[in-house]
Amino acid sequence: MVGLSALVVAIPPLFFGQAWSVWVYRGLSLLLIGCPCALVISVPAAIASALCAGARHGLLMKGGAVIEATAAIKTVALDKTGTLTMGQPEVTDILCLDQHSTAEVLALAAAVEKASNHPLAQAIVRKAAGMALPPVQDSRAIAGKGVSAVFDGQIITIASPRHAMQDGA
């Protein structure tokens, strides 16, 4: 069946000057009518091939449904910090709400986050590279919320705004 479909595709354009698009369509139609299992086999193979090609280029997709969903995409928005392009978060701004300087806040945050493996903690530590970090004690992770440590007799907690508000910050 595959051979016959190949002949239907190739002979009219090569020998009679017919349009390729028409005969490729007719050859594929003949193949699908004569052997519908070809379609059933080809779709998973094509999806697996697309997933592998994406992985080779650093794109991790959860499954074939993701590939199919991209057909409906109308707009793509990318950030400029490198999170999507590099897969590594980066600290871009530090806003201080009290009398402490940006350098003090960054150094203290990096000291508290230094032992954490969380990607955002590592971004803070990378931003503070080369800075003298103050000594902190009793550094510990707060499951699902953030990290805390003791500095100069005060408990310093690094958390998302939502978790900070829950704790009365």
N, C-alpha and C. Protein backbone atom coordinates (compact mmCIF):
# COMPACT_ATOMS: atom_id res chain seq x y z
N MET A 1 0.82 -1.19 0.00
CA MET A 1 0.00 0.00 0.00
C MET A 1 0.87 1.26 0.00
N VAL A 2 1.97 1.22 0.76
CA VAL A 2 2.87 2.37 0.82
C VAL A 2 3.51 2.61 -0.55
N GLY A 3 3.92 1.52 -1.21
CA GLY A 3 4.53 1.64 -2.54
C GLY A 3 3.57 2.23 -3.55
N LEU A 4 2.31 1.77 -3.53
CA LEU A 4 1.31 2.28 -4.45
C LEU A 4 1.07 3.78 -4.20
N SER A 5 0.99 4.16 -2.94
CA SER A 5 0.81 5.58 -2.60
C SER A 5 2.00 6.41 -3.08
N ALA A 6 3.20 5.86 -2.95
CA ALA A 6 4.40 6.57 -3.42
C ALA A 6 4.35 6.77 -4.93
N LEU A 7 3.87 5.76 -5.64
CA LEU A 7 3.75 5.89 -7.10
C LEU A 7 2.72 6.94 -7.47
N VAL A 8 1.59 6.96 -6.76
CA VAL A 8 0.55 7.96 -7.02
C VAL A 8 1.10 9.37 -6.78
N VAL A 9 1.95 9.52 -5.79
CA VAL A 9 2.55 10.83 -5.49
C VAL A 9 3.57 11.22 -6.55
N ALA A 10 4.42 10.29 -6.97
CA ALA A 10 5.58 10.64 -7.80
C ALA A 10 5.33 10.65 -9.31
N ILE A 11 4.57 9.71 -9.84
CA ILE A 11 4.47 9.57 -11.31
C ILE A 11 3.82 10.78 -12.00
N PRO A 12 2.64 11.24 -11.61
CA PRO A 12 2.04 12.38 -12.34
C PRO A 12 2.91 13.64 -12.35
N PRO A 13 3.52 14.05 -11.22
CA PRO A 13 4.35 15.25 -11.30
C PRO A 13 5.64 15.05 -12.10
N LEU A 14 6.28 13.89 -11.94
CA LEU A 14 7.56 13.67 -12.62
C LEU A 14 7.41 13.44 -14.12
N PHE A 15 6.41 12.66 -14.52
CA PHE A 15 6.29 12.29 -15.93
C PHE A 15 5.31 13.15 -16.72
N PHE A 16 4.33 13.74 -16.04
CA PHE A 16 3.30 14.49 -16.76
C PHE A 16 3.24 15.97 -16.35
N GLY A 17 4.16 16.42 -15.49
CA GLY A 17 4.22 17.83 -15.11
C GLY A 17 3.07 18.31 -14.26
N GLN A 18 2.40 17.43 -13.58
CA GLN A 18 1.28 17.81 -12.71
C GLN A 18 1.80 18.50 -11.44
N ALA A 19 0.91 19.17 -10.73
CA ALA A 19 1.27 19.87 -9.49
C ALA A 19 1.53 18.86 -8.37
N TRP A 20 2.62 19.05 -7.65
CA TRP A 20 2.98 18.14 -6.56
C TRP A 20 1.93 18.15 -5.45
N SER A 21 1.43 19.33 -5.10
CA SER A 21 0.51 19.43 -3.96
C SER A 21 -0.73 18.57 -4.13
N VAL A 22 -1.26 18.54 -5.34
CA VAL A 22 -2.47 17.75 -5.61
C VAL A 22 -2.17 16.27 -5.45
N TRP A 23 -1.05 15.80 -5.97
CA TRP A 23 -0.75 14.38 -5.97
C TRP A 23 -0.22 13.89 -4.62
N VAL A 24 0.43 14.75 -3.87
CA VAL A 24 0.81 14.36 -2.50
C VAL A 24 -0.46 14.16 -1.68
N TYR A 25 -1.41 15.07 -1.83
CA TYR A 25 -2.68 14.94 -1.12
C TYR A 25 -3.40 13.65 -1.52
N ARG A 26 -3.45 13.35 -2.81
CA ARG A 26 -4.13 12.14 -3.28
C ARG A 26 -3.39 10.88 -2.81
N GLY A 27 -2.07 10.91 -2.83
CA GLY A 27 -1.30 9.75 -2.37
C GLY A 27 -1.51 9.49 -0.88
N LEU A 28 -1.53 10.55 -0.08
CA LEU A 28 -1.79 10.39 1.35
C LEU A 28 -3.22 9.92 1.61
N SER A 29 -4.16 10.41 0.82
CA SER A 29 -5.55 9.96 0.95
C SER A 29 -5.65 8.47 0.67
N LEU A 30 -4.99 8.02 -0.39
CA LEU A 30 -4.99 6.59 -0.72
C LEU A 30 -4.37 5.78 0.40
N LEU A 31 -3.27 6.26 0.96
CA LEU A 31 -2.61 5.54 2.06
C LEU A 31 -3.51 5.43 3.28
N LEU A 32 -4.20 6.50 3.63
CA LEU A 32 -5.07 6.47 4.80
C LEU A 32 -6.31 5.62 4.58
N ILE A 33 -6.83 5.60 3.36
CA ILE A 33 -7.99 4.75 3.08
C ILE A 33 -7.58 3.29 3.08
N GLY A 34 -6.45 3.00 2.47
CA GLY A 34 -5.99 1.62 2.36
C GLY A 34 -5.39 1.08 3.65
N CYS A 35 -4.85 1.93 4.48
CA CYS A 35 -4.18 1.49 5.70
C CYS A 35 -4.36 2.54 6.79
N PRO A 36 -5.54 2.58 7.44
CA PRO A 36 -5.80 3.60 8.45
C PRO A 36 -4.87 3.49 9.67
N CYS A 37 -4.28 2.31 9.86
CA CYS A 37 -3.38 2.18 11.00
C CYS A 37 -2.14 3.05 10.83
N ALA A 38 -1.83 3.47 9.61
CA ALA A 38 -0.68 4.35 9.39
C ALA A 38 -0.87 5.67 10.14
N LEU A 39 -2.08 6.19 10.15
CA LEU A 39 -2.36 7.43 10.88
C LEU A 39 -2.24 7.21 12.38
N VAL A 40 -2.78 6.09 12.84
CA VAL A 40 -2.75 5.79 14.27
C VAL A 40 -1.31 5.65 14.76
N ILE A 41 -0.45 5.08 13.94
CA ILE A 41 0.95 4.90 14.31
C ILE A 41 1.73 6.20 14.17
N SER A 42 1.41 7.00 13.18
CA SER A 42 2.22 8.19 12.90
C SER A 42 2.03 9.31 13.91
N VAL A 43 0.85 9.46 14.47
CA VAL A 43 0.59 10.57 15.39
C VAL A 43 1.44 10.46 16.66
N PRO A 44 1.44 9.34 17.37
CA PRO A 44 2.31 9.26 18.56
C PRO A 44 3.79 9.40 18.21
N ALA A 45 4.19 8.88 17.05
CA ALA A 45 5.59 9.02 16.64
C ALA A 45 5.94 10.48 16.40
N ALA A 46 5.03 11.22 15.78
CA ALA A 46 5.28 12.64 15.52
C ALA A 46 5.33 13.44 16.82
N ILE A 47 4.46 13.11 17.76
CA ILE A 47 4.46 13.81 19.05
C ILE A 47 5.74 13.51 19.82
N ALA A 48 6.15 12.23 19.83
CA ALA A 48 7.40 11.86 20.51
C ALA A 48 8.59 12.57 19.87
N SER A 49 8.58 12.67 18.56
CA SER A 49 9.65 13.36 17.86
C SER A 49 9.69 14.84 18.23
N ALA A 50 8.53 15.47 18.33
CA ALA A 50 8.46 16.89 18.70
C ALA A 50 8.94 17.10 20.14
N LEU A 51 8.57 16.20 21.06
CA LEU A 51 9.02 16.31 22.44
C LEU A 51 10.54 16.18 22.54
N CYS A 52 11.10 15.24 21.78
CA CYS A 52 12.56 15.04 21.77
C CYS A 52 13.28 16.25 21.16
N ALA A 53 12.73 16.78 20.08
CA ALA A 53 13.35 17.96 19.45
C ALA A 53 13.33 19.15 20.41
N GLY A 54 12.22 19.31 21.12
CA GLY A 54 12.15 20.39 22.10
C GLY A 54 13.17 20.20 23.22
N ALA A 55 13.30 18.98 23.71
CA ALA A 55 14.26 18.69 24.78
C ALA A 55 15.69 18.96 24.33
N ARG A 56 16.00 18.63 23.09
CA ARG A 56 17.35 18.91 22.56
C ARG A 56 17.66 20.40 22.54
N HIS A 57 16.62 21.22 22.43
CA HIS A 57 16.81 22.67 22.40
C HIS A 57 16.51 23.33 23.75
N GLY A 58 16.42 22.52 24.81
CA GLY A 58 16.22 23.06 26.15
C GLY A 58 14.79 23.38 26.50
N LEU A 59 13.84 22.88 25.73
CA LEU A 59 12.42 23.14 25.98
C LEU A 59 11.79 21.88 26.56
N LEU A 60 11.34 21.95 27.79
CA LEU A 60 10.73 20.81 28.45
C LEU A 60 9.21 20.95 28.37
N MET A 61 8.57 19.97 27.71
CA MET A 61 7.11 19.99 27.56
C MET A 61 6.54 18.81 28.32
N LYS A 62 5.39 19.01 28.94
CA LYS A 62 4.79 17.99 29.78
C LYS A 62 4.23 16.83 28.98
N GLY A 63 3.78 17.07 27.76
CA GLY A 63 3.22 15.99 26.95
C GLY A 63 2.70 16.51 25.63
N GLY A 64 2.08 15.61 24.88
CA GLY A 64 1.57 15.94 23.56
C GLY A 64 0.47 16.97 23.58
N ALA A 65 -0.30 17.02 24.66
CA ALA A 65 -1.38 18.01 24.75
C ALA A 65 -0.84 19.43 24.70
N VAL A 66 0.36 19.63 25.23
CA VAL A 66 0.99 20.95 25.20
C VAL A 66 1.27 21.36 23.76
N ILE A 67 1.76 20.42 22.98
CA ILE A 67 2.07 20.71 21.57
C ILE A 67 0.79 21.08 20.83
N GLU A 68 -0.28 20.33 21.06
CA GLU A 68 -1.55 20.60 20.40
C GLU A 68 -2.14 21.94 20.85
N ALA A 69 -1.94 22.29 22.12
CA ALA A 69 -2.50 23.54 22.65
C ALA A 69 -1.82 24.77 22.05
N THR A 70 -0.61 24.62 21.57
CA THR A 70 0.08 25.78 20.99
C THR A 70 -0.60 26.29 19.73
N ALA A 71 -1.42 25.47 19.10
CA ALA A 71 -2.14 25.91 17.90
C ALA A 71 -3.12 27.04 18.22
N ALA A 72 -3.59 27.10 19.46
CA ALA A 72 -4.57 28.12 19.84
C ALA A 72 -3.92 29.39 20.40
N ILE A 73 -2.61 29.41 20.51
CA ILE A 73 -1.92 30.58 21.08
C ILE A 73 -2.04 31.77 20.14
N LYS A 74 -2.44 32.89 20.69
CA LYS A 74 -2.56 34.13 19.92
C LYS A 74 -1.45 35.12 20.28
N THR A 75 -1.00 35.09 21.56
CA THR A 75 0.00 36.04 22.04
C THR A 75 1.00 35.32 22.93
N VAL A 76 2.26 35.71 22.85
CA VAL A 76 3.30 35.18 23.72
C VAL A 76 3.95 36.36 24.43
N ALA A 77 4.06 36.28 25.75
CA ALA A 77 4.72 37.33 26.53
C ALA A 77 5.92 36.73 27.23
N LEU A 78 7.06 37.38 27.11
CA LEU A 78 8.29 36.90 27.73
C LEU A 78 8.81 37.94 28.70
N ASP A 79 9.41 37.47 29.79
CA ASP A 79 10.01 38.41 30.73
C ASP A 79 11.44 38.70 30.31
N LYS A 80 12.01 39.74 30.87
CA LYS A 80 13.37 40.11 30.47
C LYS A 80 14.41 39.75 31.52
N THR A 81 14.02 39.01 32.56
CA THR A 81 14.97 38.66 33.61
C THR A 81 15.73 37.38 33.32
N GLY A 82 15.31 36.63 32.31
CA GLY A 82 16.01 35.39 31.98
C GLY A 82 15.37 34.16 32.57
N THR A 83 14.28 34.31 33.33
CA THR A 83 13.64 33.15 33.92
C THR A 83 13.16 32.18 32.85
N LEU A 84 12.52 32.70 31.81
CA LEU A 84 12.04 31.83 30.74
C LEU A 84 13.15 31.47 29.76
N THR A 85 14.02 32.41 29.48
CA THR A 85 15.04 32.15 28.48
C THR A 85 16.21 31.37 29.04
N MET A 86 16.54 31.57 30.29
CA MET A 86 17.69 30.89 30.89
C MET A 86 17.29 29.81 31.88
N GLY A 87 16.06 29.82 32.35
CA GLY A 87 15.64 28.84 33.34
C GLY A 87 16.25 29.10 34.71
N GLN A 88 16.67 30.34 34.96
CA GLN A 88 17.32 30.68 36.21
C GLN A 88 16.84 32.07 36.65
N PRO A 89 16.13 32.16 37.79
CA PRO A 89 15.65 33.46 38.25
C PRO A 89 16.81 34.41 38.56
N GLU A 90 16.53 35.70 38.47
CA GLU A 90 17.56 36.71 38.70
C GLU A 90 16.94 37.88 39.46
N VAL A 91 17.64 38.37 40.45
CA VAL A 91 17.20 39.55 41.20
C VAL A 91 17.49 40.78 40.35
N THR A 92 16.47 41.57 40.07
CA THR A 92 16.66 42.76 39.23
C THR A 92 16.49 44.05 40.02
N ASP A 93 15.65 44.05 41.05
CA ASP A 93 15.39 45.26 41.84
C ASP A 93 15.29 44.91 43.31
N ILE A 94 15.73 45.83 44.14
CA ILE A 94 15.59 45.70 45.59
C ILE A 94 14.97 46.99 46.09
N LEU A 95 13.81 46.88 46.73
CA LEU A 95 13.11 48.06 47.25
C LEU A 95 13.15 48.00 48.77
N CYS A 96 13.72 49.01 49.40
CA CYS A 96 13.81 49.07 50.86
C CYS A 96 12.70 49.95 51.40
N LEU A 97 12.02 49.47 52.41
CA LEU A 97 10.89 50.21 52.97
C LEU A 97 11.22 50.91 54.28
N ASP A 98 12.45 50.81 54.75
CA ASP A 98 12.81 51.49 55.99
C ASP A 98 14.19 52.13 55.85
N GLN A 99 14.88 52.35 56.97
CA GLN A 99 16.14 53.08 56.96
C GLN A 99 17.33 52.28 56.44
N HIS A 100 17.18 51.01 56.17
CA HIS A 100 18.31 50.19 55.72
C HIS A 100 18.62 50.45 54.24
N SER A 101 19.91 50.34 53.91
CA SER A 101 20.32 50.53 52.52
C SER A 101 20.06 49.25 51.72
N THR A 102 20.08 49.40 50.41
CA THR A 102 19.89 48.26 49.52
C THR A 102 20.96 47.21 49.76
N ALA A 103 22.20 47.64 49.96
CA ALA A 103 23.31 46.71 50.20
C ALA A 103 23.11 45.94 51.50
N GLU A 104 22.64 46.62 52.55
CA GLU A 104 22.40 45.95 53.84
C GLU A 104 21.30 44.90 53.70
N VAL A 105 20.22 45.27 53.04
CA VAL A 105 19.09 44.34 52.87
C VAL A 105 19.52 43.13 52.06
N LEU A 106 20.25 43.36 50.98
CA LEU A 106 20.70 42.26 50.13
C LEU A 106 21.66 41.34 50.89
N ALA A 107 22.61 41.91 51.62
CA ALA A 107 23.57 41.10 52.37
C ALA A 107 22.88 40.26 53.44
N LEU A 108 21.92 40.85 54.15
CA LEU A 108 21.21 40.12 55.19
C LEU A 108 20.33 39.03 54.58
N ALA A 109 19.65 39.34 53.50
CA ALA A 109 18.81 38.34 52.82
C ALA A 109 19.68 37.19 52.32
N ALA A 110 20.83 37.49 51.74
CA ALA A 110 21.72 36.44 51.24
C ALA A 110 22.25 35.58 52.39
N ALA A 111 22.55 36.21 53.52
CA ALA A 111 23.04 35.44 54.67
C ALA A 111 21.98 34.47 55.17
N VAL A 112 20.73 34.91 55.20
CA VAL A 112 19.63 34.05 55.64
C VAL A 112 19.37 32.94 54.62
N GLU A 113 19.44 33.27 53.33
CA GLU A 113 19.11 32.32 52.25
C GLU A 113 20.28 31.41 51.86
N LYS A 114 21.47 31.67 52.36
CA LYS A 114 22.68 30.98 51.90
C LYS A 114 22.58 29.46 51.94
N ALA A 115 21.94 28.89 52.93
CA ALA A 115 21.87 27.44 53.08
C ALA A 115 20.71 26.82 52.29
N SER A 116 19.85 27.64 51.72
CA SER A 116 18.66 27.13 51.03
C SER A 116 18.99 26.70 49.60
N ASN A 117 18.29 25.67 49.12
CA ASN A 117 18.44 25.20 47.74
C ASN A 117 17.35 25.75 46.83
N HIS A 118 16.46 26.56 47.35
CA HIS A 118 15.36 27.10 46.55
C HIS A 118 15.93 28.00 45.44
N PRO A 119 15.37 27.93 44.22
CA PRO A 119 15.89 28.75 43.11
C PRO A 119 15.88 30.25 43.39
N LEU A 120 14.86 30.75 44.09
CA LEU A 120 14.84 32.18 44.40
C LEU A 120 15.89 32.53 45.45
N ALA A 121 16.12 31.62 46.39
CA ALA A 121 17.18 31.84 47.38
C ALA A 121 18.54 31.89 46.70
N GLN A 122 18.76 31.00 45.76
CA GLN A 122 20.03 30.98 45.03
C GLN A 122 20.21 32.25 44.21
N ALA A 123 19.13 32.81 43.68
CA ALA A 123 19.21 34.06 42.93
C ALA A 123 19.64 35.21 43.84
N ILE A 124 19.13 35.23 45.06
CA ILE A 124 19.51 36.27 46.02
C ILE A 124 20.99 36.13 46.39
N VAL A 125 21.43 34.90 46.63
CA VAL A 125 22.83 34.67 46.98
C VAL A 125 23.75 35.05 45.81
N ARG A 126 23.35 34.75 44.58
CA ARG A 126 24.15 35.13 43.40
C ARG A 126 24.25 36.66 43.29
N LYS A 127 23.16 37.36 43.57
CA LYS A 127 23.16 38.82 43.49
C LYS A 127 24.13 39.42 44.51
N ALA A 128 24.28 38.74 45.66
CA ALA A 128 25.14 39.24 46.73
C ALA A 128 26.57 38.70 46.62
N ALA A 129 26.91 38.04 45.54
CA ALA A 129 28.26 37.48 45.39
C ALA A 129 29.31 38.58 45.56
N GLY A 130 30.31 38.28 46.37
CA GLY A 130 31.38 39.24 46.61
C GLY A 130 31.13 40.16 47.79
N MET A 131 29.92 40.16 48.32
CA MET A 131 29.61 41.01 49.47
C MET A 131 29.97 40.27 50.76
N ALA A 132 30.31 41.02 51.80
CA ALA A 132 30.54 40.43 53.12
C ALA A 132 29.17 40.17 53.75
N LEU A 133 28.88 38.91 54.02
CA LEU A 133 27.58 38.56 54.59
C LEU A 133 27.66 38.58 56.11
N PRO A 134 26.66 39.16 56.77
CA PRO A 134 26.67 39.19 58.23
C PRO A 134 26.45 37.78 58.80
N PRO A 135 26.96 37.53 59.99
CA PRO A 135 26.77 36.20 60.59
C PRO A 135 25.34 36.03 61.10
N VAL A 136 24.72 34.92 60.74
CA VAL A 136 23.38 34.60 61.23
C VAL A 136 23.43 33.25 61.94
N GLN A 137 22.52 33.05 62.88
CA GLN A 137 22.44 31.79 63.60
C GLN A 137 21.05 31.18 63.41
N ASP A 138 20.98 29.92 63.70
CA ASP A 138 19.71 29.18 63.73
C ASP A 138 18.93 29.34 62.42
N SER A 139 19.61 29.21 61.30
CA SER A 139 18.95 29.30 59.99
C SER A 139 18.11 28.05 59.76
N ARG A 140 16.84 28.24 59.39
CA ARG A 140 15.99 27.07 59.14
C ARG A 140 14.91 27.39 58.12
N ALA A 141 14.49 26.35 57.43
CA ALA A 141 13.43 26.48 56.43
C ALA A 141 12.08 26.37 57.11
N ILE A 142 11.14 27.18 56.66
CA ILE A 142 9.75 27.11 57.12
C ILE A 142 8.98 26.47 55.97
N ALA A 143 8.57 25.23 56.15
CA ALA A 143 7.98 24.44 55.06
C ALA A 143 6.89 25.20 54.32
N GLY A 144 7.09 25.37 53.02
CA GLY A 144 6.10 26.00 52.16
C GLY A 144 5.99 27.51 52.30
N LYS A 145 6.82 28.12 53.14
CA LYS A 145 6.69 29.56 53.36
C LYS A 145 7.96 30.34 53.06
N GLY A 146 9.10 29.89 53.52
CA GLY A 146 10.34 30.63 53.34
C GLY A 146 11.42 30.13 54.26
N VAL A 147 12.30 31.04 54.69
CA VAL A 147 13.39 30.69 55.61
C VAL A 147 13.49 31.77 56.68
N SER A 148 14.09 31.39 57.81
CA SER A 148 14.32 32.37 58.87
C SER A 148 15.67 32.10 59.51
N ALA A 149 16.21 33.12 60.15
CA ALA A 149 17.47 33.00 60.89
C ALA A 149 17.49 34.12 61.93
N VAL A 150 18.40 34.00 62.87
CA VAL A 150 18.55 35.01 63.91
C VAL A 150 19.77 35.86 63.59
N PHE A 151 19.57 37.19 63.57
CA PHE A 151 20.66 38.14 63.35
C PHE A 151 20.57 39.23 64.41
N ASP A 152 21.62 39.39 65.16
CA ASP A 152 21.69 40.45 66.17
C ASP A 152 20.51 40.36 67.15
N GLY A 153 20.13 39.14 67.52
CA GLY A 153 19.04 38.93 68.46
C GLY A 153 17.64 39.04 67.87
N GLN A 154 17.53 39.32 66.58
CA GLN A 154 16.22 39.44 65.93
C GLN A 154 16.01 38.28 64.97
N ILE A 155 14.78 37.82 64.87
CA ILE A 155 14.45 36.78 63.89
C ILE A 155 14.17 37.47 62.56
N ILE A 156 14.92 37.07 61.54
CA ILE A 156 14.76 37.61 60.19
C ILE A 156 14.11 36.52 59.35
N THR A 157 12.98 36.83 58.72
CA THR A 157 12.27 35.86 57.89
C THR A 157 12.21 36.36 56.46
N ILE A 158 12.53 35.48 55.53
CA ILE A 158 12.42 35.77 54.10
C ILE A 158 11.26 34.92 53.59
N ALA A 159 10.21 35.58 53.08
CA ALA A 159 9.02 34.86 52.62
C ALA A 159 8.33 35.68 51.54
N SER A 160 7.34 35.08 50.91
CA SER A 160 6.54 35.80 49.93
C SER A 160 5.69 36.84 50.66
N PRO A 161 5.23 37.88 49.97
CA PRO A 161 4.37 38.88 50.63
C PRO A 161 3.15 38.25 51.30
N ARG A 162 2.55 37.24 50.65
CA ARG A 162 1.36 36.60 51.21
C ARG A 162 1.68 35.94 52.56
N HIS A 163 2.78 35.21 52.63
CA HIS A 163 3.14 34.55 53.88
C HIS A 163 3.61 35.56 54.93
N ALA A 164 4.24 36.63 54.51
CA ALA A 164 4.66 37.66 55.46
C ALA A 164 3.44 38.32 56.10
N MET A 165 2.40 38.57 55.30
CA MET A 165 1.17 39.18 55.83
C MET A 165 0.46 38.23 56.80
N GLN A 166 0.51 36.93 56.54
CA GLN A 166 -0.11 35.96 57.44
C GLN A 166 0.58 35.96 58.80
N ASP A 167 1.89 36.23 58.79
CA ASP A 167 2.65 36.23 60.04
C ASP A 167 2.66 37.60 60.71
N GLY A 168 1.92 38.56 60.17
CA GLY A 168 1.79 39.87 60.80
C GLY A 168 2.91 40.84 60.49
N ALA A 169 3.58 40.67 59.38
CA ALA A 169 4.67 41.59 59.04
C ALA A 169 4.13 42.90 58.52
